[in-house]
Every structure is written in structure tokens, then in C-alpha cells.
Amino acid sequence: MRCKGFRVTWDATLGRVRVRIPSRCIAHGDYGAIKVQAIAEIGRDADFAPKTPKGNWGWTDWVSRG
């Protein structure tokens, strides 16, 4: 994604990635709450989040703007 202010910060020690997406980057800021999924790939290895109790790829709860 190319959008001014979009940032991704990896923390290998904690096994965490933090993503910042300014509201203007999604539908020019014209949206309400969203649900999120994430996938990270290195070569053939892929990790995804969140996972359901059965280990499948799930969705987060609704996240409000701000």
C-alpha cells in the first residue's frame, strides 16, 4: 500500500508487527468501523493473524476509527 503516513514496524524479539494506516488511506477516510486480517510472507513461509480456535484464519473484532 502506498499512502502518506502508512507505517509498518517489525519487532522480531516480541514476534509482533504494528501497522499504522491513516484513515485517508482507506476509502479516502469515508468509512466506519473495520475488521482486520494480517498475513506476512517470507519466501514460502506464511503466518497469519488472528487465528480461530481451530487454527484457521479469522477476523478481529470490529475496530472503530481513532
Protein backbone atom coordinates (compact mmCIF):
# COMPACT_ATOMS: atom_id res chain seq x y z
CA MET A 1 0.00 0.00 0.00
CA ARG A 2 1.30 3.44 -0.87
CA CYS A 3 -0.19 6.19 1.25
CA LYS A 4 1.45 9.06 3.13
CA GLY A 5 1.72 8.11 6.80
CA PHE A 6 1.37 4.34 6.25
CA ARG A 7 3.94 2.64 8.52
CA VAL A 8 4.89 -0.92 9.44
CA THR A 9 7.15 -1.65 12.42
CA TRP A 10 8.51 -5.17 12.99
CA ASP A 11 9.63 -6.35 16.44
CA ALA A 12 11.28 -9.76 15.95
CA THR A 13 12.07 -10.06 19.67
CA LEU A 14 8.39 -9.92 20.63
CA GLY A 15 7.17 -11.59 17.43
CA ARG A 16 4.97 -8.59 16.69
CA VAL A 17 4.24 -6.25 13.84
CA ARG A 18 2.49 -2.91 14.26
CA VAL A 19 0.73 -1.31 11.29
CA ARG A 20 -0.42 2.31 11.15
CA ILE A 21 -2.87 3.18 8.38
CA PRO A 22 -4.15 6.78 8.33
CA SER A 23 -7.90 6.98 7.75
CA ARG A 24 -7.40 8.82 4.43
CA CYS A 25 -5.70 5.66 3.09
CA ILE A 26 -8.96 3.67 3.25
CA ALA A 27 -11.80 4.92 1.03
CA HIS A 28 -10.42 8.48 1.46
CA GLY A 29 -11.50 8.36 5.12
CA ASP A 30 -15.15 7.63 4.29
CA TYR A 31 -15.75 4.52 6.40
CA GLY A 32 -16.88 3.43 9.85
CA ALA A 33 -15.59 0.50 11.90
CA ILE A 34 -13.49 -2.18 10.21
CA LYS A 35 -12.39 -5.78 10.80
CA VAL A 36 -8.77 -6.73 10.17
CA GLN A 37 -6.74 -9.72 8.96
CA ALA A 38 -2.98 -9.84 8.54
CA ILE A 39 -0.64 -12.11 6.59
CA ALA A 40 3.14 -11.99 6.48
CA GLU A 41 5.16 -13.98 3.98
CA ILE A 42 8.85 -14.72 3.71
CA GLY A 43 9.55 -16.96 0.72
CA ARG A 44 7.16 -19.88 1.06
CA ASP A 45 6.55 -19.39 4.78
CA ALA A 46 3.36 -17.52 5.65
CA ASP A 47 1.98 -16.52 9.05
CA PHE A 48 -1.47 -15.10 9.56
CA ALA A 49 -3.46 -13.48 12.33
CA PRO A 50 -5.78 -13.67 14.04
CA LYS A 51 -6.31 -17.41 14.23
CA THR A 52 -9.57 -19.09 15.16
CA PRO A 53 -9.63 -21.72 17.94
CA LYS A 54 -9.32 -24.35 15.16
CA GLY A 55 -6.21 -22.61 13.76
CA ASN A 56 -7.89 -21.09 10.70
CA TRP A 57 -7.52 -17.51 9.54
CA GLY A 58 -10.07 -15.35 11.36
CA TRP A 59 -11.06 -11.71 11.68
CA THR A 60 -10.55 -9.29 14.57
CA ASP A 61 -13.50 -7.79 16.38
CA TRP A 62 -14.82 -4.53 14.94
CA VAL A 63 -12.30 -1.71 15.35
CA SER A 64 -13.67 1.83 15.46
CA ARG A 65 -11.87 4.75 13.89
CA GLY A 66 -9.46 6.67 16.05
